[in-house]
Amino acid sequence: HAGEGFVVESLQDGRTVVYWYTYDGEGQQRWFIGVARRDGMRLVVDELLATQGGIFGPMFDPSQVSKTVAGQLQIEFDSCNSGQVRYVVDGIEGSQDLIRLTLMKGLSCRDNQAAGLVAGSD
């Protein structure tokens, strides 16, 4: 979907953070974030959080930001370049195909490497 996307970030401590930027039913921007657990070629976010109340710039006050559990999601990888996300957000179920848009400089994409990274092996 144009203007929507996911960022998947593997952290050094073994956790994986998933960021989802999208829009609500009225066309307003909506961001979700969750910490995923690995399950084979799948990332599972049991608590997908939505935030609200933040203000950009010097007036930002973290005490004004509220976090609520909006749903769950799973990303199933078919390869290191593609997969599918399934989600339930605010009681609405859906899915969409994913394709990789970027690759880190100096790293190649080989499916057998991606399987090991998602599965958490060397």
PDB file of N, CA and C in Angstrom:
ATOM      1  N   HIS A   1       0.847  -1.193   0.000  1.00  0.00           N
ATOM      2  CA  HIS A   1       0.000   0.000   0.000  1.00  0.00           C
ATOM      3  C   HIS A   1       0.882   1.242   0.000  1.00  0.00           C
ATOM      4  N   ALA A   2       0.605   2.178  -0.857  1.00  0.00           N
ATOM      5  CA  ALA A   2       1.391   3.400  -0.946  1.00  0.00           C
ATOM      6  C   ALA A   2       1.293   4.187   0.352  1.00  0.00           C
ATOM      7  N   GLY A   3       2.436   4.666   0.827  1.00  0.00           N
ATOM      8  CA  GLY A   3       2.461   5.477   2.042  1.00  0.00           C
ATOM      9  C   GLY A   3       2.441   4.683   3.325  1.00  0.00           C
ATOM     10  N   GLU A   4       2.409   3.367   3.228  1.00  0.00           N
ATOM     11  CA  GLU A   4       2.427   2.505   4.403  1.00  0.00           C
ATOM     12  C   GLU A   4       3.675   1.639   4.353  1.00  0.00           C
ATOM     13  N   GLY A   5       4.092   1.157   5.513  1.00  0.00           N
ATOM     14  CA  GLY A   5       5.237   0.261   5.502  1.00  0.00           C
ATOM     15  C   GLY A   5       5.591  -0.267   6.868  1.00  0.00           C
ATOM     16  N   PHE A   6       6.568  -1.154   6.856  1.00  0.00           N
ATOM     17  CA  PHE A   6       7.072  -1.783   8.064  1.00  0.00           C
ATOM     18  C   PHE A   6       8.575  -1.608   8.121  1.00  0.00           C
ATOM     19  N   VAL A   7       9.093  -1.468   9.315  1.00  0.00           N
ATOM     20  CA  VAL A   7      10.523  -1.512   9.566  1.00  0.00           C
ATOM     21  C   VAL A   7      10.725  -2.634  10.569  1.00  0.00           C
ATOM     22  N   VAL A   8      11.615  -3.567  10.245  1.00  0.00           N
ATOM     23  CA  VAL A   8      11.926  -4.679  11.135  1.00  0.00           C
ATOM     24  C   VAL A   8      13.378  -4.516  11.549  1.00  0.00           C
ATOM     25  N   GLU A   9      13.611  -4.404  12.843  1.00  0.00           N
ATOM     26  CA  GLU A   9      14.948  -4.138  13.360  1.00  0.00           C
ATOM     27  C   GLU A   9      15.354  -5.238  14.332  1.00  0.00           C
ATOM     28  N   SER A  10      16.422  -5.977  13.980  1.00  0.00           N
ATOM     29  CA  SER A  10      16.968  -6.997  14.874  1.00  0.00           C
ATOM     30  C   SER A  10      17.988  -6.337  15.784  1.00  0.00           C
ATOM     31  N   LEU A  11      17.780  -6.469  17.081  1.00  0.00           N
ATOM     32  CA  LEU A  11      18.668  -5.863  18.059  1.00  0.00           C
ATOM     33  C   LEU A  11      19.744  -6.858  18.489  1.00  0.00           C
ATOM     34  N   GLN A  12      20.858  -6.335  19.015  1.00  0.00           N
ATOM     35  CA  GLN A  12      21.970  -7.190  19.414  1.00  0.00           C
ATOM     36  C   GLN A  12      21.603  -8.142  20.542  1.00  0.00           C
ATOM     37  N   ASP A  13      20.612  -7.798  21.352  1.00  0.00           N
ATOM     38  CA  ASP A  13      20.239  -8.664  22.477  1.00  0.00           C
ATOM     39  C   ASP A  13      19.278  -9.777  22.066  1.00  0.00           C
ATOM     40  N   GLY A  14      19.012  -9.918  20.748  1.00  0.00           N
ATOM     41  CA  GLY A  14      18.164 -10.992  20.259  1.00  0.00           C
ATOM     42  C   GLY A  14      16.712 -10.607  20.051  1.00  0.00           C
ATOM     43  N   ARG A  15      16.298  -9.459  20.559  1.00  0.00           N
ATOM     44  CA  ARG A  15      14.918  -9.015  20.337  1.00  0.00           C
ATOM     45  C   ARG A  15      14.780  -8.452  18.924  1.00  0.00           C
ATOM     46  N   THR A  16      13.555  -8.457  18.439  1.00  0.00           N
ATOM     47  CA  THR A  16      13.246  -7.861  17.139  1.00  0.00           C
ATOM     48  C   THR A  16      12.111  -6.871  17.340  1.00  0.00           C
ATOM     49  N   VAL A  17      12.308  -5.646  16.876  1.00  0.00           N
ATOM     50  CA  VAL A  17      11.289  -4.609  17.003  1.00  0.00           C
ATOM     51  C   VAL A  17      10.654  -4.398  15.628  1.00  0.00           C
ATOM     52  N   VAL A  18       9.327  -4.331  15.617  1.00  0.00           N
ATOM     53  CA  VAL A  18       8.583  -4.093  14.381  1.00  0.00           C
ATOM     54  C   VAL A  18       7.866  -2.753  14.508  1.00  0.00           C
ATOM     55  N   TYR A  19       8.099  -1.864  13.538  1.00  0.00           N
ATOM     56  CA  TYR A  19       7.415  -0.572  13.458  1.00  0.00           C
ATOM     57  C   TYR A  19       6.497  -0.634  12.242  1.00  0.00           C
ATOM     58  N   TRP A  20       5.279  -0.164  12.395  1.00  0.00           N
ATOM     59  CA  TRP A  20       4.316  -0.165  11.283  1.00  0.00           C
ATOM     60  C   TRP A  20       3.743   1.232  11.162  1.00  0.00           C
ATOM     61  N   TYR A  21       3.963   1.861  10.027  1.00  0.00           N
ATOM     62  CA  TYR A  21       3.376   3.176   9.776  1.00  0.00           C
ATOM     63  C   TYR A  21       2.279   3.013   8.733  1.00  0.00           C
ATOM     64  N   THR A  22       1.108   3.565   9.062  1.00  0.00           N
ATOM     65  CA  THR A  22      -0.068   3.359   8.229  1.00  0.00           C
ATOM     66  C   THR A  22      -1.041   4.512   8.437  1.00  0.00           C
ATOM     67  N   TYR A  23      -2.288   4.312   8.077  1.00  0.00           N
ATOM     68  CA  TYR A  23      -3.331   5.329   8.220  1.00  0.00           C
ATOM     69  C   TYR A  23      -4.564   4.702   8.841  1.00  0.00           C
ATOM     70  N   ASP A  24      -5.337   5.517   9.562  1.00  0.00           N
ATOM     71  CA  ASP A  24      -6.598   5.026  10.121  1.00  0.00           C
ATOM     72  C   ASP A  24      -7.720   5.214   9.092  1.00  0.00           C
ATOM     73  N   GLY A  25      -8.950   4.908   9.480  1.00  0.00           N
ATOM     74  CA  GLY A  25     -10.094   4.988   8.578  1.00  0.00           C
ATOM     75  C   GLY A  25     -10.392   6.378   8.064  1.00  0.00           C
ATOM     76  N   GLU A  26      -9.913   7.417   8.778  1.00  0.00           N
ATOM     77  CA  GLU A  26     -10.130   8.806   8.342  1.00  0.00           C
ATOM     78  C   GLU A  26      -8.932   9.383   7.598  1.00  0.00           C
ATOM     79  N   GLY A  27      -7.923   8.546   7.329  1.00  0.00           N
ATOM     80  CA  GLY A  27      -6.752   9.021   6.600  1.00  0.00           C
ATOM     81  C   GLY A  27      -5.694   9.675   7.462  1.00  0.00           C
ATOM     82  N   GLN A  28      -5.823   9.597   8.780  1.00  0.00           N
ATOM     83  CA  GLN A  28      -4.824  10.161   9.688  1.00  0.00           C
ATOM     84  C   GLN A  28      -3.687   9.157   9.887  1.00  0.00           C
ATOM     85  N   GLN A  29      -2.468   9.679  10.024  1.00  0.00           N
ATOM     86  CA  GLN A  29      -1.327   8.799  10.251  1.00  0.00           C
ATOM     87  C   GLN A  29      -1.505   8.012  11.541  1.00  0.00           C
ATOM     88  N   ARG A  30      -1.056   6.773  11.494  1.00  0.00           N
ATOM     89  CA  ARG A  30      -1.113   5.932  12.686  1.00  0.00           C
ATOM     90  C   ARG A  30       0.143   5.071  12.705  1.00  0.00           C
ATOM     91  N   TRP A  31       0.798   5.029  13.864  1.00  0.00           N
ATOM     92  CA  TRP A  31       2.013   4.252  14.046  1.00  0.00           C
ATOM     93  C   TRP A  31       1.768   3.175  15.086  1.00  0.00           C
ATOM     94  N   PHE A  32       2.338   2.009  14.836  1.00  0.00           N
ATOM     95  CA  PHE A  32       2.303   0.911  15.796  1.00  0.00           C
ATOM     96  C   PHE A  32       3.731   0.436  16.024  1.00  0.00           C
ATOM     97  N   ILE A  33       3.971  -0.126  17.196  1.00  0.00           N
ATOM     98  CA  ILE A  33       5.279  -0.682  17.518  1.00  0.00           C
ATOM     99  C   ILE A  33       5.074  -1.915  18.382  1.00  0.00           C
ATOM    100  N   GLY A  34       5.934  -2.891  18.200  1.00  0.00           N
ATOM    101  CA  GLY A  34       5.857  -4.094  19.024  1.00  0.00           C
ATOM    102  C   GLY A  34       7.173  -4.837  19.034  1.00  0.00           C
ATOM    103  N   VAL A  35       7.403  -5.576  20.104  1.00  0.00           N
ATOM    104  CA  VAL A  35       8.578  -6.437  20.211  1.00  0.00           C
ATOM    105  C   VAL A  35       8.140  -7.838  19.803  1.00  0.00           C
ATOM    106  N   ALA A  36       8.843  -8.400  18.833  1.00  0.00           N
ATOM    107  CA  ALA A  36       8.454  -9.698  18.270  1.00  0.00           C
ATOM    108  C   ALA A  36       9.288 -10.820  18.862  1.00  0.00           C
ATOM    109  N   ARG A  37       8.658 -11.974  18.960  1.00  0.00           N
ATOM    110  CA  ARG A  37       9.391 -13.201  19.263  1.00  0.00           C
ATOM    111  C   ARG A  37       9.534 -13.967  17.957  1.00  0.00           C
ATOM    112  N   ARG A  38      10.623 -14.703  17.849  1.00  0.00           N
ATOM    113  CA  ARG A  38      10.891 -15.473  16.637  1.00  0.00           C
ATOM    114  C   ARG A  38      10.295 -16.865  16.765  1.00  0.00           C
ATOM    115  N   ASP A  39       9.676 -17.322  15.689  1.00  0.00           N
ATOM    116  CA  ASP A  39       9.100 -18.658  15.626  1.00  0.00           C
ATOM    117  C   ASP A  39       9.366 -19.194  14.226  1.00  0.00           C
ATOM    118  N   GLY A  40      10.530 -19.805  14.022  1.00  0.00           N
ATOM    119  CA  GLY A  40      10.921 -20.263  12.690  1.00  0.00           C
ATOM    120  C   GLY A  40      11.088 -19.092  11.752  1.00  0.00           C
ATOM    121  N   MET A  41      10.365 -19.108  10.639  1.00  0.00           N
ATOM    122  CA  MET A  41      10.437 -18.023   9.652  1.00  0.00           C
ATOM    123  C   MET A  41       9.380 -16.957   9.918  1.00  0.00           C
ATOM    124  N   ARG A  42       8.912 -16.903  11.153  1.00  0.00           N
ATOM    125  CA  ARG A  42       7.835 -15.978  11.504  1.00  0.00           C
ATOM    126  C   ARG A  42       8.271 -15.103  12.673  1.00  0.00           C
ATOM    127  N   LEU A  43       7.820 -13.858  12.628  1.00  0.00           N
ATOM    128  CA  LEU A  43       7.934 -12.940  13.762  1.00  0.00           C
ATOM    129  C   LEU A  43       6.533 -12.739  14.307  1.00  0.00           C
ATOM    130  N   VAL A  44       6.378 -12.876  15.615  1.00  0.00           N
ATOM    131  CA  VAL A  44       5.066 -12.775  16.247  1.00  0.00           C
ATOM    132  C   VAL A  44       5.088 -11.635  17.260  1.00  0.00           C
ATOM    133  N   VAL A  45       4.223 -10.661  17.065  1.00  0.00           N
ATOM    134  CA  VAL A  45       4.051  -9.553  18.011  1.00  0.00           C
ATOM    135  C   VAL A  45       2.730  -9.800  18.723  1.00  0.00           C
ATOM    136  N   ASP A  46       2.816 -10.163  20.001  1.00  0.00           N
ATOM    137  CA  ASP A  46       1.603 -10.446  20.774  1.00  0.00           C
ATOM    138  C   ASP A  46       0.896  -9.178  21.227  1.00  0.00           C
ATOM    139  N   GLU A  47       1.666  -8.117  21.469  1.00  0.00           N
ATOM    140  CA  GLU A  47       1.081  -6.834  21.890  1.00  0.00           C
ATOM    141  C   GLU A  47       1.576  -5.729  20.974  1.00  0.00           C
ATOM    142  N   LEU A  48       0.757  -5.386  20.001  1.00  0.00           N
ATOM    143  CA  LEU A  48       1.060  -4.298  19.085  1.00  0.00           C
ATOM    144  C   LEU A  48       0.540  -3.011  19.722  1.00  0.00           C
ATOM    145  N   LEU A  49       1.448  -2.084  19.992  1.00  0.00           N
ATOM    146  CA  LEU A  49       1.088  -0.865  20.719  1.00  0.00           C
ATOM    147  C   LEU A  49       0.848   0.308  19.785  1.00  0.00           C
ATOM    148  N   ALA A  50      -0.143   1.114  20.120  1.00  0.00           N
ATOM    149  CA  ALA A  50      -0.404   2.392  19.453  1.00  0.00           C
ATOM    150  C   ALA A  50      -0.112   3.486  20.473  1.00  0.00           C
ATOM    151  N   THR A  51       0.472   4.573  20.015  1.00  0.00           N
ATOM    152  CA  THR A  51       0.751   5.697  20.909  1.00  0.00           C
ATOM    153  C   THR A  51      -0.041   6.912  20.454  1.00  0.00           C
ATOM    154  N   GLN A  52      -0.305   7.788  21.398  1.00  0.00           N
ATOM    155  CA  GLN A  52      -0.926   9.073  21.064  1.00  0.00           C
ATOM    156  C   GLN A  52      -0.571  10.087  22.137  1.00  0.00           C
ATOM    157  N   GLY A  53      -0.733  11.346  21.795  1.00  0.00           N
ATOM    158  CA  GLY A  53      -0.484  12.417  22.747  1.00  0.00           C
ATOM    159  C   GLY A  53       0.856  13.101  22.611  1.00  0.00           C
ATOM    160  N   GLY A  54       1.731  12.593  21.763  1.00  0.00           N
ATOM    161  CA  GLY A  54       3.038  13.218  21.596  1.00  0.00           C
ATOM    162  C   GLY A  54       2.967  14.469  20.740  1.00  0.00           C
ATOM    163  N   ILE A  55       3.893  15.372  20.979  1.00  0.00           N
ATOM    164  CA  ILE A  55       4.001  16.609  20.203  1.00  0.00           C
ATOM    165  C   ILE A  55       5.425  16.691  19.687  1.00  0.00           C
ATOM    166  N   PHE A  56       5.587  17.003  18.418  1.00  0.00           N
ATOM    167  CA  PHE A  56       6.908  17.120  17.815  1.00  0.00           C
ATOM    168  C   PHE A  56       7.610  18.384  18.288  1.00  0.00           C
ATOM    169  N   GLY A  57       8.925  18.299  18.456  1.00  0.00           N
ATOM    170  CA  GLY A  57       9.736  19.475  18.721  1.00  0.00           C
ATOM    171  C   GLY A  57      10.012  19.725  20.187  1.00  0.00           C
ATOM    172  N   PRO A  58      10.418  20.955  20.517  1.00  0.00           N
ATOM    173  CA  PRO A  58      10.864  21.267  21.873  1.00  0.00           C
ATOM    174  C   PRO A  58       9.761  21.189  22.929  1.00  0.00           C
ATOM    175  N   MET A  59       8.509  21.184  22.539  1.00  0.00           N
ATOM    176  CA  MET A  59       7.411  21.097  23.511  1.00  0.00           C
ATOM    177  C   MET A  59       7.063  19.646  23.863  1.00  0.00           C
ATOM    178  N   PHE A  60       7.826  18.681  23.324  1.00  0.00           N
ATOM    179  CA  PHE A  60       7.548  17.272  23.592  1.00  0.00           C
ATOM    180  C   PHE A  60       7.639  16.984  25.085  1.00  0.00           C
ATOM    181  N   ASP A  61       6.618  16.303  25.604  1.00  0.00           N
ATOM    182  CA  ASP A  61       6.566  15.910  27.014  1.00  0.00           C
ATOM    183  C   ASP A  61       6.225  14.422  27.059  1.00  0.00           C
ATOM    184  N   PRO A  62       7.195  13.573  27.411  1.00  0.00           N
ATOM    185  CA  PRO A  62       6.933  12.132  27.394  1.00  0.00           C
ATOM    186  C   PRO A  62       5.798  11.707  28.319  1.00  0.00           C
ATOM    187  N   SER A  63       5.504  12.487  29.334  1.00  0.00           N
ATOM    188  CA  SER A  63       4.411  12.120  30.243  1.00  0.00           C
ATOM    189  C   SER A  63       3.041  12.258  29.572  1.00  0.00           C
ATOM    190  N   GLN A  64       2.986  12.955  28.436  1.00  0.00           N
ATOM    191  CA  GLN A  64       1.726  13.127  27.715  1.00  0.00           C
ATOM    192  C   GLN A  64       1.464  12.021  26.689  1.00  0.00           C
ATOM    193  N   VAL A  65       2.433  11.123  26.520  1.00  0.00           N
ATOM    194  CA  VAL A  65       2.291  10.037  25.555  1.00  0.00           C
ATOM    195  C   VAL A  65       1.636   8.841  26.239  1.00  0.00           C
ATOM    196  N   SER A  66       0.555   8.356  25.648  1.00  0.00           N
ATOM    197  CA  SER A  66      -0.092   7.150  26.172  1.00  0.00           C
ATOM    198  C   SER A  66       0.106   6.006  25.188  1.00  0.00           C
ATOM    199  N   LYS A  67       0.236   4.801  25.736  1.00  0.00           N
ATOM    200  CA  LYS A  67       0.406   3.599  24.914  1.00  0.00           C
ATOM    201  C   LYS A  67      -0.744   2.654  25.216  1.00  0.00           C
ATOM    202  N   THR A  68      -1.374   2.148  24.171  1.00  0.00           N
ATOM    203  CA  THR A  68      -2.450   1.177  24.340  1.00  0.00           C
ATOM    204  C   THR A  68      -2.207  -0.014  23.418  1.00  0.00           C
ATOM    205  N   VAL A  69      -2.623  -1.180  23.878  1.00  0.00           N
ATOM    206  CA  VAL A  69      -2.519  -2.372  23.044  1.00  0.00           C
ATOM    207  C   VAL A  69      -3.632  -2.309  22.001  1.00  0.00           C
ATOM    208  N   ALA A  70      -3.231  -2.260  20.727  1.00  0.00           N
ATOM    209  CA  ALA A  70      -4.193  -2.140  19.626  1.00  0.00           C
ATOM    210  C   ALA A  70      -4.481  -3.480  18.969  1.00  0.00           C
ATOM    211  N   GLY A  71      -3.583  -4.450  19.144  1.00  0.00           N
ATOM    212  CA  GLY A  71      -3.788  -5.742  18.502  1.00  0.00           C
ATOM    213  C   GLY A  71      -2.536  -6.582  18.484  1.00  0.00           C
ATOM    214  N   GLN A  72      -2.460  -7.454  17.474  1.00  0.00           N
ATOM    215  CA  GLN A  72      -1.328  -8.355  17.292  1.00  0.00           C
ATOM    216  C   GLN A  72      -0.996  -8.421  15.808  1.00  0.00           C
ATOM    217  N   LEU A  73       0.233  -8.904  15.526  1.00  0.00           N
ATOM    218  CA  LEU A  73       0.571  -9.173  14.132  1.00  0.00           C
ATOM    219  C   LEU A  73       1.601 -10.275  14.039  1.00  0.00           C
ATOM    220  N   GLN A  74       1.653 -10.879  12.858  1.00  0.00           N
ATOM    221  CA  GLN A  74       2.649 -11.892  12.532  1.00  0.00           C
ATOM    222  C   GLN A  74       3.191 -11.599  11.144  1.00  0.00           C
ATOM    223  N   ILE A  75       4.501 -11.699  11.012  1.00  0.00           N
ATOM    224  CA  ILE A  75       5.130 -11.585   9.699  1.00  0.00           C
ATOM    225  C   ILE A  75       5.741 -12.942   9.383  1.00  0.00           C
ATOM    226  N   GLU A  76       5.312 -13.526   8.278  1.00  0.00           N
ATOM    227  CA  GLU A  76       5.835 -14.815   7.806  1.00  0.00           C
ATOM    228  C   GLU A  76       6.696 -14.536   6.586  1.00  0.00           C
ATOM    229  N   PHE A  77       7.984 -14.912   6.658  1.00  0.00           N
ATOM    230  CA  PHE A  77       8.905 -14.678   5.547  1.00  0.00           C
ATOM    231  C   PHE A  77       8.925 -15.884   4.619  1.00  0.00           C
ATOM    232  N   ASP A  78       8.768 -15.641   3.281  1.00  0.00           N
ATOM    233  CA  ASP A  78       8.963 -16.724   2.305  1.00  0.00           C
ATOM    234  C   ASP A  78      10.420 -16.744   1.873  1.00  0.00           C
ATOM    235  N   SER A  79      11.089 -15.601   1.961  1.00  0.00           N
ATOM    236  CA  SER A  79      12.489 -15.461   1.559  1.00  0.00           C
ATOM    237  C   SER A  79      13.036 -14.233   2.275  1.00  0.00           C
ATOM    238  N   CYS A  80      14.279 -13.896   1.990  1.00  0.00           N
ATOM    239  CA  CYS A  80      14.838 -12.694   2.615  1.00  0.00           C
ATOM    240  C   CYS A  80      14.327 -11.421   1.947  1.00  0.00           C
ATOM    241  N   ASN A  81      13.560 -11.558   0.870  1.00  0.00           N
ATOM    242  CA  ASN A  81      13.034 -10.389   0.168  1.00  0.00           C
ATOM    243  C   ASN A  81      11.522 -10.253   0.198  1.00  0.00           C
ATOM    244  N   SER A  82      10.820 -11.239   0.747  1.00  0.00           N
ATOM    245  CA  SER A  82       9.361 -11.155   0.704  1.00  0.00           C
ATOM    246  C   SER A  82       8.723 -11.938   1.842  1.00  0.00           C
ATOM    247  N   GLY A  83       7.465 -11.627   2.064  1.00  0.00           N
ATOM    248  CA  GLY A  83       6.702 -12.312   3.093  1.00  0.00           C
ATOM    249  C   GLY A  83       5.274 -11.812   3.107  1.00  0.00           C
ATOM    250  N   GLN A  84       4.586 -12.150   4.180  1.00  0.00           N
ATOM    251  CA  GLN A  84       3.208 -11.699   4.346  1.00  0.00           C
ATOM    252  C   GLN A  84       2.992 -11.338   5.806  1.00  0.00           C
ATOM    253  N   VAL A  85       2.262 -10.250   6.020  1.00  0.00           N
ATOM    254  CA  VAL A  85       1.887  -9.855   7.373  1.00  0.00           C
ATOM    255  C   VAL A  85       0.407 -10.159   7.554  1.00  0.00           C
ATOM    256  N   ARG A  86       0.088 -10.704   8.731  1.00  0.00           N
ATOM    257  CA  ARG A  86      -1.306 -10.909   9.140  1.00  0.00           C
ATOM    258  C   ARG A  86      -1.472 -10.147  10.440  1.00  0.00           C
ATOM    259  N   TYR A  87      -2.600  -9.473  10.582  1.00  0.00           N
ATOM    260  CA  TYR A  87      -2.786  -8.640  11.768  1.00  0.00           C
ATOM    261  C   TYR A  87      -4.235  -8.633  12.219  1.00  0.00           C
ATOM    262  N   VAL A  88      -4.389  -8.268  13.481  1.00  0.00           N
ATOM    263  CA  VAL A  88      -5.685  -7.907  14.051  1.00  0.00           C
ATOM    264  C   VAL A  88      -5.435  -6.599  14.782  1.00  0.00           C
ATOM    265  N   VAL A  89      -6.083  -5.526  14.328  1.00  0.00           N
ATOM    266  CA  VAL A  89      -5.936  -4.203  14.941  1.00  0.00           C
ATOM    267  C   VAL A  89      -7.326  -3.646  15.189  1.00  0.00           C
ATOM    268  N   ASP A  90      -7.563  -3.263  16.423  1.00  0.00           N
ATOM    269  CA  ASP A  90      -8.875  -2.725  16.812  1.00  0.00           C
ATOM    270  C   ASP A  90     -10.004  -3.660  16.385  1.00  0.00           C
ATOM    271  N   GLY A  91      -9.755  -4.968  16.472  1.00  0.00           N
ATOM    272  CA  GLY A  91     -10.761  -5.959  16.120  1.00  0.00           C
ATOM    273  C   GLY A  91     -10.904  -6.238  14.637  1.00  0.00           C
ATOM    274  N   ILE A  92     -10.118  -5.570  13.799  1.00  0.00           N
ATOM    275  CA  ILE A  92     -10.193  -5.754  12.348  1.00  0.00           C
ATOM    276  C   ILE A  92      -9.039  -6.647  11.902  1.00  0.00           C
ATOM    277  N   GLU A  93      -9.369  -7.754  11.231  1.00  0.00           N
ATOM    278  CA  GLU A  93      -8.353  -8.675  10.720  1.00  0.00           C
ATOM    279  C   GLU A  93      -7.987  -8.311   9.292  1.00  0.00           C
ATOM    280  N   GLY A  94      -6.723  -8.523   8.962  1.00  0.00           N
ATOM    281  CA  GLY A  94      -6.292  -8.278   7.597  1.00  0.00           C
ATOM    282  C   GLY A  94      -4.946  -8.909   7.328  1.00  0.00           C
ATOM    283  N   SER A  95      -4.515  -8.814   6.089  1.00  0.00           N
ATOM    284  CA  SER A  95      -3.200  -9.310   5.688  1.00  0.00           C
ATOM    285  C   SER A  95      -2.759  -8.541   4.450  1.00  0.00           C
ATOM    286  N   GLN A  96      -1.461  -8.560   4.215  1.00  0.00           N
ATOM    287  CA  GLN A  96      -0.931  -7.986   2.989  1.00  0.00           C
ATOM    288  C   GLN A  96       0.433  -8.585   2.703  1.00  0.00           C
ATOM    289  N   ASP A  97       0.782  -8.623   1.426  1.00  0.00           N
ATOM    290  CA  ASP A  97       2.086  -9.115   1.008  1.00  0.00           C
ATOM    291  C   ASP A  97       3.129  -8.043   1.264  1.00  0.00           C
ATOM    292  N   LEU A  98       4.341  -8.489   1.573  1.00  0.00           N
ATOM    293  CA  LEU A  98       5.449  -7.580   1.828  1.00  0.00           C
ATOM    294  C   LEU A  98       6.585  -7.869   0.860  1.00  0.00           C
ATOM    295  N   ILE A  99       7.254  -6.810   0.409  1.00  0.00           N
ATOM    296  CA  ILE A  99       8.489  -6.951  -0.349  1.00  0.00           C
ATOM    297  C   ILE A  99       9.515  -6.007   0.243  1.00  0.00           C
ATOM    298  N   ARG A 100      10.750  -6.436   0.249  1.00  0.00           N
ATOM    299  CA  ARG A 100      11.842  -5.633   0.795  1.00  0.00           C
ATOM    300  C   ARG A 100      12.135  -4.478  -0.148  1.00  0.00           C
ATOM    301  N   LEU A 101      12.308  -3.287   0.420  1.00  0.00           N
ATOM    302  CA  LEU A 101      12.646  -2.110  -0.383  1.00  0.00           C
ATOM    303  C   LEU A 101      14.105  -1.719  -0.246  1.00  0.00           C
ATOM    304  N   THR A 102      14.737  -2.085   0.864  1.00  0.00           N
ATOM    305  CA  THR A 102      16.119  -1.671   1.091  1.00  0.00           C
ATOM    306  C   THR A 102      16.955  -2.857   1.549  1.00  0.00           C
ATOM    307  N   LEU A 103      18.267  -2.699   1.414  1.00  0.00           N
ATOM    308  CA  LEU A 103      19.219  -3.694   1.877  1.00  0.00           C
ATOM    309  C   LEU A 103      20.402  -2.934   2.455  1.00  0.00           C
ATOM    310  N   MET A 104      20.921  -3.406   3.562  1.00  0.00           N
ATOM    311  CA  MET A 104      22.048  -2.716   4.187  1.00  0.00           C
ATOM    312  C   MET A 104      23.274  -2.803   3.287  1.00  0.00           C
ATOM    313  N   LYS A 105      23.999  -1.709   3.191  1.00  0.00           N
ATOM    314  CA  LYS A 105      25.181  -1.640   2.339  1.00  0.00           C
ATOM    315  C   LYS A 105      26.184  -2.714   2.750  1.00  0.00           C
ATOM    316  N   GLY A 106      26.680  -3.417   1.757  1.00  0.00           N
ATOM    317  CA  GLY A 106      27.686  -4.435   2.010  1.00  0.00           C
ATOM    318  C   GLY A 106      27.127  -5.806   2.361  1.00  0.00           C
ATOM    319  N   LEU A 107      25.812  -5.927   2.494  1.00  0.00           N
ATOM    320  CA  LEU A 107      25.207  -7.222   2.805  1.00  0.00           C
ATOM    321  C   LEU A 107      24.450  -7.740   1.595  1.00  0.00           C
ATOM    322  N   SER A 108      24.627  -9.011   1.314  1.00  0.00           N
ATOM    323  CA  SER A 108      23.861  -9.619   0.229  1.00  0.00           C
ATOM    324  C   SER A 108      22.628 -10.283   0.818  1.00  0.00           C
ATOM    325  N   CYS A 109      21.720 -10.630  -0.038  1.00  0.00           N
ATOM    326  CA  CYS A 109      20.488 -11.281   0.400  1.00  0.00           C
ATOM    327  C   CYS A 109      20.476 -12.688  -0.164  1.00  0.00           C
ATOM    328  N   ARG A 110      20.709 -13.658   0.698  1.00  0.00           N
ATOM    329  CA  ARG A 110      20.614 -15.061   0.295  1.00  0.00           C
ATOM    330  C   ARG A 110      19.584 -15.709   1.200  1.00  0.00           C
ATOM    331  N   ASP A 111      18.654 -16.425   0.616  1.00  0.00           N
ATOM    332  CA  ASP A 111      17.546 -16.995   1.374  1.00  0.00           C
ATOM    333  C   ASP A 111      17.995 -17.875   2.529  1.00  0.00           C
ATOM    334  N   ASN A 112      19.066 -18.657   2.357  1.00  0.00           N
ATOM    335  CA  ASN A 112      19.498 -19.511   3.452  1.00  0.00           C
ATOM    336  C   ASN A 112      20.039 -18.681   4.617  1.00  0.00           C
ATOM    337  N   GLN A 113      20.651 -17.534   4.342  1.00  0.00           N
ATOM    338  CA  GLN A 113      21.090 -16.652   5.415  1.00  0.00           C
ATOM    339  C   GLN A 113      19.889 -16.064   6.133  1.00  0.00           C
ATOM    340  N   ALA A 114      18.893 -15.635   5.402  1.00  0.00           N
ATOM    341  CA  ALA A 114      17.714 -15.025   6.016  1.00  0.00           C
ATOM    342  C   ALA A 114      17.012 -16.016   6.924  1.00  0.00           C
ATOM    343  N   ALA A 115      16.925 -17.268   6.510  1.00  0.00           N
ATOM    344  CA  ALA A 115      16.263 -18.279   7.339  1.00  0.00           C
ATOM    345  C   ALA A 115      16.978 -18.412   8.667  1.00  0.00           C
ATOM    346  N   GLY A 116      18.300 -18.412   8.655  1.00  0.00           N
ATOM    347  CA  GLY A 116      19.055 -18.515   9.897  1.00  0.00           C
ATOM    348  C   GLY A 116      18.882 -17.306  10.779  1.00  0.00           C
ATOM    349  N   LEU A 117      18.848 -16.130  10.187  1.00  0.00           N
ATOM    350  CA  LEU A 117      18.682 -14.916  10.978  1.00  0.00           C
ATOM    351  C   LEU A 117      17.316 -14.862  11.634  1.00  0.00           C
ATOM    352  N   VAL A 118      16.280 -15.206  10.901  1.00  0.00           N
ATOM    353  CA  VAL A 118      14.936 -15.173  11.472  1.00  0.00           C
ATOM    354  C   VAL A 118      14.781 -16.254  12.524  1.00  0.00           C
ATOM    355  N   ALA A 119      15.381 -17.412  12.279  1.00  0.00           N
ATOM    356  CA  ALA A 119      15.258 -18.510  13.229  1.00  0.00           C
ATOM    357  C   ALA A 119      16.153 -18.311  14.437  1.00  0.00           C
ATOM    358  N   GLY A 120      17.077 -17.353  14.360  1.00  0.00           N
ATOM    359  CA  GLY A 120      17.926 -17.052  15.499  1.00  0.00           C
ATOM    360  C   GLY A 120      19.168 -17.916  15.592  1.00  0.00           C
ATOM    361  N   SER A 121      19.574 -18.573  14.511  1.00  0.00           N
ATOM    362  CA  SER A 121      20.783 -19.386  14.523  1.00  0.00           C
ATOM    363  C   SER A 121      21.896 -18.646  13.809  1.00  0.00           C
ATOM    364  N   ASP A 122      23.107 -19.160  13.914  1.00  0.00           N
ATOM    365  CA  ASP A 122      24.257 -18.537  13.252  1.00  0.00           C
ATOM    366  C   ASP A 122      24.390 -18.987  11.825  1.00  0.00           C
TER     367      ASP A 122
END
